[in-house]
Amino acid sequence: MEIRRDDTVIVLSGKDKGKKGKVLKAFPKEGKLIVAGVNVASRHRKPRNQQEEGGIIKMETPIYACKVQVVCPKCGKTTRVAHAAKDGKSVRICKKCGAEL
């Protein structure tokens, strides 16, 4: 999976199509991501003690990584990720402008 935490992505399909957000957490084994402001669900929470407040809480749920595409920080376009060797290390680069991601 080429998408990592702190990448900016745009949603390609689904109910949140066109939304842009930052990746909060990645689950490579499942091929899913949690993106800020995307795929928000309501959860009902009971108070566990008198100090804690109950109610309806909005939270982001995982989305499949194949439904999002990385946005290049330099050119600002959605792009596929390429890999290249730089100083003996593998780095991710933008397919459109060649900038390091």
PDB file of N, CA and C in Angstrom:
ATOM      1  N   MET A   1       0.850  -1.177   0.000  1.00  0.00           N
ATOM      2  CA  MET A   1       0.000   0.000   0.000  1.00  0.00           C
ATOM      3  C   MET A   1       0.898   1.245   0.000  1.00  0.00           C
ATOM      4  N   GLU A   2       0.699   2.122  -0.980  1.00  0.00           N
ATOM      5  CA  GLU A   2       1.565   3.293  -1.154  1.00  0.00           C
ATOM      6  C   GLU A   2       1.165   4.489  -0.294  1.00  0.00           C
ATOM      7  N   ILE A   3      -0.007   4.434   0.325  1.00  0.00           N
ATOM      8  CA  ILE A   3      -0.498   5.571   1.096  1.00  0.00           C
ATOM      9  C   ILE A   3      -0.087   5.396   2.552  1.00  0.00           C
ATOM     10  N   ARG A   4       0.429   6.473   3.139  1.00  0.00           N
ATOM     11  CA  ARG A   4       0.904   6.437   4.519  1.00  0.00           C
ATOM     12  C   ARG A   4       0.208   7.503   5.350  1.00  0.00           C
ATOM     13  N   ARG A   5       0.463   7.454   6.672  1.00  0.00           N
ATOM     14  CA  ARG A   5      -0.102   8.440   7.582  1.00  0.00           C
ATOM     15  C   ARG A   5       0.428   9.832   7.224  1.00  0.00           C
ATOM     16  N   ASP A   6      -0.385  10.852   7.397  1.00  0.00           N
ATOM     17  CA  ASP A   6      -0.095  12.265   7.122  1.00  0.00           C
ATOM     18  C   ASP A   6      -0.092  12.624   5.639  1.00  0.00           C
ATOM     19  N   ASP A   7      -0.420  11.696   4.734  1.00  0.00           N
ATOM     20  CA  ASP A   7      -0.595  12.029   3.315  1.00  0.00           C
ATOM     21  C   ASP A   7      -1.936  12.732   3.140  1.00  0.00           C
ATOM     22  N   THR A   8      -2.010  13.645   2.187  1.00  0.00           N
ATOM     23  CA  THR A   8      -3.282  14.266   1.829  1.00  0.00           C
ATOM     24  C   THR A   8      -3.855  13.465   0.672  1.00  0.00           C
ATOM     25  N   VAL A   9      -5.106  13.053   0.796  1.00  0.00           N
ATOM     26  CA  VAL A   9      -5.742  12.233  -0.231  1.00  0.00           C
ATOM     27  C   VAL A   9      -7.084  12.831  -0.629  1.00  0.00           C
ATOM     28  N   ILE A  10      -7.574  12.402  -1.783  1.00  0.00           N
ATOM     29  CA  ILE A  10      -8.903  12.793  -2.256  1.00  0.00           C
ATOM     30  C   ILE A  10      -9.681  11.512  -2.532  1.00  0.00           C
ATOM     31  N   VAL A  11     -10.975  11.502  -2.174  1.00  0.00           N
ATOM     32  CA  VAL A  11     -11.818  10.324  -2.332  1.00  0.00           C
ATOM     33  C   VAL A  11     -12.324  10.259  -3.769  1.00  0.00           C
ATOM     34  N   LEU A  12     -12.166   9.092  -4.405  1.00  0.00           N
ATOM     35  CA  LEU A  12     -12.540   8.901  -5.802  1.00  0.00           C
ATOM     36  C   LEU A  12     -13.955   8.376  -5.995  1.00  0.00           C
ATOM     37  N   SER A  13     -14.468   7.595  -5.028  1.00  0.00           N
ATOM     38  CA  SER A  13     -15.806   7.028  -5.199  1.00  0.00           C
ATOM     39  C   SER A  13     -16.490   6.871  -3.850  1.00  0.00           C
ATOM     40  N   GLY A  14     -17.802   6.697  -3.904  1.00  0.00           N
ATOM     41  CA  GLY A  14     -18.587   6.513  -2.693  1.00  0.00           C
ATOM     42  C   GLY A  14     -19.351   7.765  -2.311  1.00  0.00           C
ATOM     43  N   LYS A  15     -19.934   7.738  -1.114  1.00  0.00           N
ATOM     44  CA  LYS A  15     -20.772   8.853  -0.667  1.00  0.00           C
ATOM     45  C   LYS A  15     -19.973  10.125  -0.395  1.00  0.00           C
ATOM     46  N   ASP A  16     -18.675   9.982  -0.136  1.00  0.00           N
ATOM     47  CA  ASP A  16     -17.814  11.134   0.144  1.00  0.00           C
ATOM     48  C   ASP A  16     -16.941  11.509  -1.044  1.00  0.00           C
ATOM     49  N   LYS A  17     -17.373  11.187  -2.255  1.00  0.00           N
ATOM     50  CA  LYS A  17     -16.594  11.444  -3.469  1.00  0.00           C
ATOM     51  C   LYS A  17     -16.242  12.929  -3.591  1.00  0.00           C
ATOM     52  N   GLY A  18     -14.952  13.216  -3.853  1.00  0.00           N
ATOM     53  CA  GLY A  18     -14.491  14.583  -4.020  1.00  0.00           C
ATOM     54  C   GLY A  18     -13.954  15.234  -2.758  1.00  0.00           C
ATOM     55  N   LYS A  19     -14.168  14.617  -1.606  1.00  0.00           N
ATOM     56  CA  LYS A  19     -13.684  15.196  -0.353  1.00  0.00           C
ATOM     57  C   LYS A  19     -12.176  14.985  -0.227  1.00  0.00           C
ATOM     58  N   LYS A  20     -11.532  15.981   0.362  1.00  0.00           N
ATOM     59  CA  LYS A  20     -10.087  15.931   0.570  1.00  0.00           C
ATOM     60  C   LYS A  20      -9.820  15.862   2.064  1.00  0.00           C
ATOM     61  N   GLY A  21      -8.841  15.061   2.469  1.00  0.00           N
ATOM     62  CA  GLY A  21      -8.520  14.952   3.887  1.00  0.00           C
ATOM     63  C   GLY A  21      -7.148  14.360   4.124  1.00  0.00           C
ATOM     64  N   LYS A  22      -6.741  14.409   5.369  1.00  0.00           N
ATOM     65  CA  LYS A  22      -5.434  13.903   5.778  1.00  0.00           C
ATOM     66  C   LYS A  22      -5.603  12.501   6.353  1.00  0.00           C
ATOM     67  N   VAL A  23      -4.687  11.593   6.026  1.00  0.00           N
ATOM     68  CA  VAL A  23      -4.744  10.223   6.526  1.00  0.00           C
ATOM     69  C   VAL A  23      -4.323  10.231   7.990  1.00  0.00           C
ATOM     70  N   LEU A  24      -5.223   9.774   8.875  1.00  0.00           N
ATOM     71  CA  LEU A  24      -4.943   9.734  10.302  1.00  0.00           C
ATOM     72  C   LEU A  24      -4.288   8.426  10.711  1.00  0.00           C
ATOM     73  N   LYS A  25      -4.712   7.318  10.081  1.00  0.00           N
ATOM     74  CA  LYS A  25      -4.182   6.005  10.413  1.00  0.00           C
ATOM     75  C   LYS A  25      -4.301   5.094   9.209  1.00  0.00           C
ATOM     76  N   ALA A  26      -3.322   4.212   9.021  1.00  0.00           N
ATOM     77  CA  ALA A  26      -3.340   3.268   7.904  1.00  0.00           C
ATOM     78  C   ALA A  26      -3.305   1.840   8.443  1.00  0.00           C
ATOM     79  N   PHE A  27      -4.079   0.981   7.807  1.00  0.00           N
ATOM     80  CA  PHE A  27      -4.108  -0.443   8.139  1.00  0.00           C
ATOM     81  C   PHE A  27      -3.682  -1.231   6.900  1.00  0.00           C
ATOM     82  N   PRO A  28      -2.367  -1.451   6.688  1.00  0.00           N
ATOM     83  CA  PRO A  28      -1.900  -2.090   5.454  1.00  0.00           C
ATOM     84  C   PRO A  28      -2.397  -3.518   5.256  1.00  0.00           C
ATOM     85  N   LYS A  29      -2.547  -4.278   6.333  1.00  0.00           N
ATOM     86  CA  LYS A  29      -2.993  -5.675   6.185  1.00  0.00           C
ATOM     87  C   LYS A  29      -4.422  -5.762   5.659  1.00  0.00           C
ATOM     88  N   GLU A  30      -5.286  -4.834   6.101  1.00  0.00           N
ATOM     89  CA  GLU A  30      -6.677  -4.817   5.631  1.00  0.00           C
ATOM     90  C   GLU A  30      -6.844  -3.981   4.372  1.00  0.00           C
ATOM     91  N   GLY A  31      -5.850  -3.160   4.042  1.00  0.00           N
ATOM     92  CA  GLY A  31      -5.949  -2.271   2.886  1.00  0.00           C
ATOM     93  C   GLY A  31      -6.917  -1.125   3.109  1.00  0.00           C
ATOM     94  N   LYS A  32      -6.971  -0.633   4.361  1.00  0.00           N
ATOM     95  CA  LYS A  32      -7.906   0.435   4.711  1.00  0.00           C
ATOM     96  C   LYS A  32      -7.182   1.610   5.343  1.00  0.00           C
ATOM     97  N   LEU A  33      -7.859   2.763   5.349  1.00  0.00           N
ATOM     98  CA  LEU A  33      -7.330   4.002   5.913  1.00  0.00           C
ATOM     99  C   LEU A  33      -8.408   4.704   6.707  1.00  0.00           C
ATOM    100  N   ILE A  34      -7.988   5.524   7.660  1.00  0.00           N
ATOM    101  CA  ILE A  34      -8.907   6.437   8.324  1.00  0.00           C
ATOM    102  C   ILE A  34      -8.500   7.834   7.880  1.00  0.00           C
ATOM    103  N   VAL A  35      -9.431   8.544   7.225  1.00  0.00           N
ATOM    104  CA  VAL A  35      -9.176   9.876   6.687  1.00  0.00           C
ATOM    105  C   VAL A  35     -10.034  10.884   7.455  1.00  0.00           C
ATOM    106  N   ALA A  36      -9.434  12.013   7.817  1.00  0.00           N
ATOM    107  CA  ALA A  36     -10.134  13.041   8.581  1.00  0.00           C
ATOM    108  C   ALA A  36     -11.308  13.616   7.794  1.00  0.00           C
ATOM    109  N   GLY A  37     -12.509  13.584   8.382  1.00  0.00           N
ATOM    110  CA  GLY A  37     -13.704  14.155   7.776  1.00  0.00           C
ATOM    111  C   GLY A  37     -14.362  13.304   6.716  1.00  0.00           C
ATOM    112  N   VAL A  38     -13.891  12.072   6.525  1.00  0.00           N
ATOM    113  CA  VAL A  38     -14.436  11.190   5.491  1.00  0.00           C
ATOM    114  C   VAL A  38     -15.006   9.935   6.157  1.00  0.00           C
ATOM    115  N   ASN A  39     -16.159   9.455   5.656  1.00  0.00           N
ATOM    116  CA  ASN A  39     -16.822   8.255   6.150  1.00  0.00           C
ATOM    117  C   ASN A  39     -17.125   8.382   7.653  1.00  0.00           C
ATOM    118  N   VAL A  40     -17.791   9.469   8.008  1.00  0.00           N
ATOM    119  CA  VAL A  40     -18.114   9.756   9.407  1.00  0.00           C
ATOM    120  C   VAL A  40     -19.370   9.007   9.810  1.00  0.00           C
ATOM    121  N   ALA A  41     -19.303   8.325  10.967  1.00  0.00           N
ATOM    122  CA  ALA A  41     -20.434   7.567  11.488  1.00  0.00           C
ATOM    123  C   ALA A  41     -20.809   8.101  12.863  1.00  0.00           C
ATOM    124  N   SER A  42     -22.079   7.939  13.236  1.00  0.00           N
ATOM    125  CA  SER A  42     -22.551   8.339  14.559  1.00  0.00           C
ATOM    126  C   SER A  42     -22.510   7.139  15.482  1.00  0.00           C
ATOM    127  N   ARG A  43     -22.006   7.351  16.685  1.00  0.00           N
ATOM    128  CA  ARG A  43     -21.918   6.267  17.648  1.00  0.00           C
ATOM    129  C   ARG A  43     -22.587   6.725  18.939  1.00  0.00           C
ATOM    130  N   HIS A  44     -23.439   5.878  19.500  1.00  0.00           N
ATOM    131  CA  HIS A  44     -24.132   6.197  20.748  1.00  0.00           C
ATOM    132  C   HIS A  44     -23.282   5.686  21.908  1.00  0.00           C
ATOM    133  N   ARG A  45     -22.948   6.588  22.821  1.00  0.00           N
ATOM    134  CA  ARG A  45     -22.089   6.207  23.944  1.00  0.00           C
ATOM    135  C   ARG A  45     -22.808   6.444  25.263  1.00  0.00           C
ATOM    136  N   LYS A  46     -22.780   5.413  26.109  1.00  0.00           N
ATOM    137  CA  LYS A  46     -23.355   5.513  27.445  1.00  0.00           C
ATOM    138  C   LYS A  46     -22.314   6.045  28.410  1.00  0.00           C
ATOM    139  N   PRO A  47     -22.734   6.864  29.372  1.00  0.00           N
ATOM    140  CA  PRO A  47     -21.751   7.306  30.368  1.00  0.00           C
ATOM    141  C   PRO A  47     -21.366   6.148  31.284  1.00  0.00           C
ATOM    142  N   ARG A  48     -20.061   5.969  31.509  1.00  0.00           N
ATOM    143  CA  ARG A  48     -19.580   4.867  32.360  1.00  0.00           C
ATOM    144  C   ARG A  48     -19.613   5.238  33.845  1.00  0.00           C
ATOM    145  N   ASN A  49     -19.491   6.522  34.140  1.00  0.00           N
ATOM    146  CA  ASN A  49     -19.615   6.981  35.522  1.00  0.00           C
ATOM    147  C   ASN A  49     -20.289   8.358  35.521  1.00  0.00           C
ATOM    148  N   GLN A  50     -20.463   8.959  36.691  1.00  0.00           N
ATOM    149  CA  GLN A  50     -21.202  10.223  36.777  1.00  0.00           C
ATOM    150  C   GLN A  50     -20.456  11.400  36.160  1.00  0.00           C
ATOM    151  N   GLN A  51     -19.122  11.353  36.147  1.00  0.00           N
ATOM    152  CA  GLN A  51     -18.348  12.448  35.574  1.00  0.00           C
ATOM    153  C   GLN A  51     -18.346  12.404  34.039  1.00  0.00           C
ATOM    154  N   GLU A  52     -18.424  11.209  33.476  1.00  0.00           N
ATOM    155  CA  GLU A  52     -18.378  11.055  32.019  1.00  0.00           C
ATOM    156  C   GLU A  52     -19.736  11.406  31.405  1.00  0.00           C
ATOM    157  N   GLU A  53     -19.676  12.047  30.244  1.00  0.00           N
ATOM    158  CA  GLU A  53     -20.889  12.464  29.568  1.00  0.00           C
ATOM    159  C   GLU A  53     -21.230  11.473  28.448  1.00  0.00           C
ATOM    160  N   GLY A  54     -22.470  11.125  28.322  1.00  0.00           N
ATOM    161  CA  GLY A  54     -22.917  10.244  27.251  1.00  0.00           C
ATOM    162  C   GLY A  54     -23.461  11.052  26.094  1.00  0.00           C
ATOM    163  N   GLY A  55     -23.865  10.367  25.034  1.00  0.00           N
ATOM    164  CA  GLY A  55     -24.460  11.060  23.895  1.00  0.00           C
ATOM    165  C   GLY A  55     -24.064  10.450  22.577  1.00  0.00           C
ATOM    166  N   ILE A  56     -24.346  11.172  21.516  1.00  0.00           N
ATOM    167  CA  ILE A  56     -24.021  10.709  20.163  1.00  0.00           C
ATOM    168  C   ILE A  56     -22.697  11.341  19.757  1.00  0.00           C
ATOM    169  N   ILE A  57     -21.748  10.490  19.394  1.00  0.00           N
ATOM    170  CA  ILE A  57     -20.401  10.939  19.037  1.00  0.00           C
ATOM    171  C   ILE A  57     -20.152  10.642  17.566  1.00  0.00           C
ATOM    172  N   LYS A  58     -19.634  11.620  16.838  1.00  0.00           N
ATOM    173  CA  LYS A  58     -19.271  11.436  15.428  1.00  0.00           C
ATOM    174  C   LYS A  58     -17.819  10.964  15.369  1.00  0.00           C
ATOM    175  N   MET A  59     -17.557   9.911  14.579  1.00  0.00           N
ATOM    176  CA  MET A  59     -16.187   9.414  14.444  1.00  0.00           C
ATOM    177  C   MET A  59     -15.935   8.899  13.034  1.00  0.00           C
ATOM    178  N   GLU A  60     -14.693   9.012  12.586  1.00  0.00           N
ATOM    179  CA  GLU A  60     -14.315   8.530  11.266  1.00  0.00           C
ATOM    180  C   GLU A  60     -14.148   7.012  11.313  1.00  0.00           C
ATOM    181  N   THR A  61     -14.620   6.332  10.284  1.00  0.00           N
ATOM    182  CA  THR A  61     -14.459   4.894  10.170  1.00  0.00           C
ATOM    183  C   THR A  61     -13.569   4.593   8.965  1.00  0.00           C
ATOM    184  N   PRO A  62     -12.961   3.399   8.930  1.00  0.00           N
ATOM    185  CA  PRO A  62     -12.028   3.087   7.842  1.00  0.00           C
ATOM    186  C   PRO A  62     -12.694   3.058   6.465  1.00  0.00           C
ATOM    187  N   ILE A  63     -11.894   3.411   5.449  1.00  0.00           N
ATOM    188  CA  ILE A  63     -12.305   3.402   4.052  1.00  0.00           C
ATOM    189  C   ILE A  63     -11.239   2.622   3.285  1.00  0.00           C
ATOM    190  N   TYR A  64     -11.653   1.920   2.225  1.00  0.00           N
ATOM    191  CA  TYR A  64     -10.697   1.149   1.430  1.00  0.00           C
ATOM    192  C   TYR A  64      -9.703   2.085   0.741  1.00  0.00           C
ATOM    193  N   ALA A  65      -8.438   1.679   0.728  1.00  0.00           N
ATOM    194  CA  ALA A  65      -7.367   2.490   0.143  1.00  0.00           C
ATOM    195  C   ALA A  65      -7.517   2.630  -1.370  1.00  0.00           C
ATOM    196  N   CYS A  66      -8.195   1.688  -2.022  1.00  0.00           N
ATOM    197  CA  CYS A  66      -8.375   1.760  -3.467  1.00  0.00           C
ATOM    198  C   CYS A  66      -9.363   2.855  -3.867  1.00  0.00           C
ATOM    199  N   LYS A  67     -10.093   3.415  -2.900  1.00  0.00           N
ATOM    200  CA  LYS A  67     -11.072   4.469  -3.181  1.00  0.00           C
ATOM    201  C   LYS A  67     -10.498   5.868  -3.052  1.00  0.00           C
ATOM    202  N   VAL A  68      -9.211   5.981  -2.699  1.00  0.00           N
ATOM    203  CA  VAL A  68      -8.580   7.293  -2.545  1.00  0.00           C
ATOM    204  C   VAL A  68      -7.319   7.383  -3.395  1.00  0.00           C
ATOM    205  N   GLN A  69      -6.902   8.621  -3.668  1.00  0.00           N
ATOM    206  CA  GLN A  69      -5.680   8.859  -4.426  1.00  0.00           C
ATOM    207  C   GLN A  69      -4.900   9.984  -3.762  1.00  0.00           C
ATOM    208  N   VAL A  70      -3.576   9.851  -3.767  1.00  0.00           N
ATOM    209  CA  VAL A  70      -2.687  10.813  -3.107  1.00  0.00           C
ATOM    210  C   VAL A  70      -2.669  12.130  -3.867  1.00  0.00           C
ATOM    211  N   VAL A  71      -2.641  13.238  -3.122  1.00  0.00           N
ATOM    212  CA  VAL A  71      -2.506  14.569  -3.700  1.00  0.00           C
ATOM    213  C   VAL A  71      -1.057  15.014  -3.479  1.00  0.00           C
ATOM    214  N   CYS A  72      -0.381  15.397  -4.567  1.00  0.00           N
ATOM    215  CA  CYS A  72       1.014  15.836  -4.493  1.00  0.00           C
ATOM    216  C   CYS A  72       1.096  17.180  -3.780  1.00  0.00           C
ATOM    217  N   PRO A  73       1.986  17.325  -2.777  1.00  0.00           N
ATOM    218  CA  PRO A  73       2.090  18.611  -2.081  1.00  0.00           C
ATOM    219  C   PRO A  73       2.701  19.723  -2.936  1.00  0.00           C
ATOM    220  N   LYS A  74       3.476  19.364  -3.952  1.00  0.00           N
ATOM    221  CA  LYS A  74       4.137  20.376  -4.779  1.00  0.00           C
ATOM    222  C   LYS A  74       3.222  20.883  -5.894  1.00  0.00           C
ATOM    223  N   CYS A  75       2.698  19.954  -6.736  1.00  0.00           N
ATOM    224  CA  CYS A  75       1.879  20.389  -7.873  1.00  0.00           C
ATOM    225  C   CYS A  75       0.391  20.481  -7.540  1.00  0.00           C
ATOM    226  N   GLY A  76      -0.056  19.851  -6.438  1.00  0.00           N
ATOM    227  CA  GLY A  76      -1.446  19.949  -6.004  1.00  0.00           C
ATOM    228  C   GLY A  76      -2.417  19.084  -6.781  1.00  0.00           C
ATOM    229  N   LYS A  77      -1.901  18.181  -7.619  1.00  0.00           N
ATOM    230  CA  LYS A  77      -2.753  17.303  -8.416  1.00  0.00           C
ATOM    231  C   LYS A  77      -2.786  15.906  -7.805  1.00  0.00           C
ATOM    232  N   THR A  78      -3.881  15.165  -8.116  1.00  0.00           N
ATOM    233  CA  THR A  78      -3.923  13.774  -7.690  1.00  0.00           C
ATOM    234  C   THR A  78      -2.954  12.989  -8.557  1.00  0.00           C
ATOM    235  N   THR A  79      -2.244  12.066  -7.942  1.00  0.00           N
ATOM    236  CA  THR A  79      -1.194  11.364  -8.663  1.00  0.00           C
ATOM    237  C   THR A  79      -1.036   9.935  -8.166  1.00  0.00           C
ATOM    238  N   ARG A  80      -0.440   9.122  -9.011  1.00  0.00           N
ATOM    239  CA  ARG A  80      -0.037   7.788  -8.593  1.00  0.00           C
ATOM    240  C   ARG A  80       1.357   7.908  -7.979  1.00  0.00           C
ATOM    241  N   VAL A  81       1.714   6.936  -7.173  1.00  0.00           N
ATOM    242  CA  VAL A  81       2.988   6.972  -6.478  1.00  0.00           C
ATOM    243  C   VAL A  81       3.989   6.076  -7.193  1.00  0.00           C
ATOM    244  N   ALA A  82       5.189   6.628  -7.456  1.00  0.00           N
ATOM    245  CA  ALA A  82       6.284   5.859  -8.035  1.00  0.00           C
ATOM    246  C   ALA A  82       7.374   5.723  -6.986  1.00  0.00           C
ATOM    247  N   HIS A  83       8.255   4.755  -7.163  1.00  0.00           N
ATOM    248  CA  HIS A  83       9.363   4.545  -6.242  1.00  0.00           C
ATOM    249  C   HIS A  83      10.668   4.756  -6.979  1.00  0.00           C
ATOM    250  N   ALA A  84      11.622   5.374  -6.312  1.00  0.00           N
ATOM    251  CA  ALA A  84      12.940   5.607  -6.890  1.00  0.00           C
ATOM    252  C   ALA A  84      13.987   5.504  -5.787  1.00  0.00           C
ATOM    253  N   ALA A  85      15.228   5.196  -6.183  1.00  0.00           N
ATOM    254  CA  ALA A  85      16.332   5.112  -5.229  1.00  0.00           C
ATOM    255  C   ALA A  85      17.026   6.469  -5.156  1.00  0.00           C
ATOM    256  N   LYS A  86      17.200   6.958  -3.932  1.00  0.00           N
ATOM    257  CA  LYS A  86      17.873   8.238  -3.721  1.00  0.00           C
ATOM    258  C   LYS A  86      18.816   8.070  -2.534  1.00  0.00           C
ATOM    259  N   ASP A  87      20.097   8.209  -2.770  1.00  0.00           N
ATOM    260  CA  ASP A  87      21.132   8.028  -1.745  1.00  0.00           C
ATOM    261  C   ASP A  87      21.040   6.656  -1.071  1.00  0.00           C
ATOM    262  N   GLY A  88      20.741   5.629  -1.862  1.00  0.00           N
ATOM    263  CA  GLY A  88      20.664   4.269  -1.339  1.00  0.00           C
ATOM    264  C   GLY A  88      19.370   3.935  -0.618  1.00  0.00           C
ATOM    265  N   LYS A  89      18.425   4.876  -0.562  1.00  0.00           N
ATOM    266  CA  LYS A  89      17.135   4.641   0.083  1.00  0.00           C
ATOM    267  C   LYS A  89      16.024   4.721  -0.950  1.00  0.00           C
ATOM    268  N   SER A  90      14.968   3.949  -0.733  1.00  0.00           N
ATOM    269  CA  SER A  90      13.809   3.989  -1.617  1.00  0.00           C
ATOM    270  C   SER A  90      12.893   5.125  -1.171  1.00  0.00           C
ATOM    271  N   VAL A  91      12.546   6.016  -2.089  1.00  0.00           N
ATOM    272  CA  VAL A  91      11.660   7.139  -1.780  1.00  0.00           C
ATOM    273  C   VAL A  91      10.444   7.103  -2.700  1.00  0.00           C
ATOM    274  N   ARG A  92       9.354   7.704  -2.233  1.00  0.00           N
ATOM    275  CA  ARG A  92       8.135   7.802  -3.035  1.00  0.00           C
ATOM    276  C   ARG A  92       8.174   9.126  -3.784  1.00  0.00           C
ATOM    277  N   ILE A  93       7.840   9.078  -5.076  1.00  0.00           N
ATOM    278  CA  ILE A  93       7.833  10.303  -5.882  1.00  0.00           C
ATOM    279  C   ILE A  93       6.516  10.430  -6.642  1.00  0.00           C
ATOM    280  N   CYS A  94       6.192  11.666  -7.022  1.00  0.00           N
ATOM    281  CA  CYS A  94       4.984  11.974  -7.794  1.00  0.00           C
ATOM    282  C   CYS A  94       5.213  11.571  -9.248  1.00  0.00           C
ATOM    283  N   LYS A  95       4.252  10.887  -9.852  1.00  0.00           N
ATOM    284  CA  LYS A  95       4.360  10.482 -11.254  1.00  0.00           C
ATOM    285  C   LYS A  95       4.253  11.668 -12.203  1.00  0.00           C
ATOM    286  N   LYS A  96       3.577  12.745 -11.787  1.00  0.00           N
ATOM    287  CA  LYS A  96       3.339  13.872 -12.687  1.00  0.00           C
ATOM    288  C   LYS A  96       4.460  14.897 -12.675  1.00  0.00           C
ATOM    289  N   CYS A  97       4.946  15.266 -11.476  1.00  0.00           N
ATOM    290  CA  CYS A  97       5.979  16.319 -11.423  1.00  0.00           C
ATOM    291  C   CYS A  97       7.341  15.830 -10.952  1.00  0.00           C
ATOM    292  N   GLY A  98       7.409  14.617 -10.390  1.00  0.00           N
ATOM    293  CA  GLY A  98       8.691  14.071  -9.947  1.00  0.00           C
ATOM    294  C   GLY A  98       9.116  14.501  -8.552  1.00  0.00           C
ATOM    295  N   ALA A  99       8.255  15.216  -7.828  1.00  0.00           N
ATOM    296  CA  ALA A  99       8.589  15.677  -6.484  1.00  0.00           C
ATOM    297  C   ALA A  99       8.513  14.514  -5.484  1.00  0.00           C
ATOM    298  N   GLU A 100       9.298  14.613  -4.440  1.00  0.00           N
ATOM    299  CA  GLU A 100       9.296  13.590  -3.395  1.00  0.00           C
ATOM    300  C   GLU A 100       8.067  13.762  -2.509  1.00  0.00           C
ATOM    301  N   LEU A 101       7.401  12.644  -2.202  1.00  0.00           N
ATOM    302  CA  LEU A 101       6.188  12.697  -1.374  1.00  0.00           C
ATOM    303  C   LEU A 101       6.541  12.525   0.088  1.00  0.00           C
TER     304      LEU A 101
END
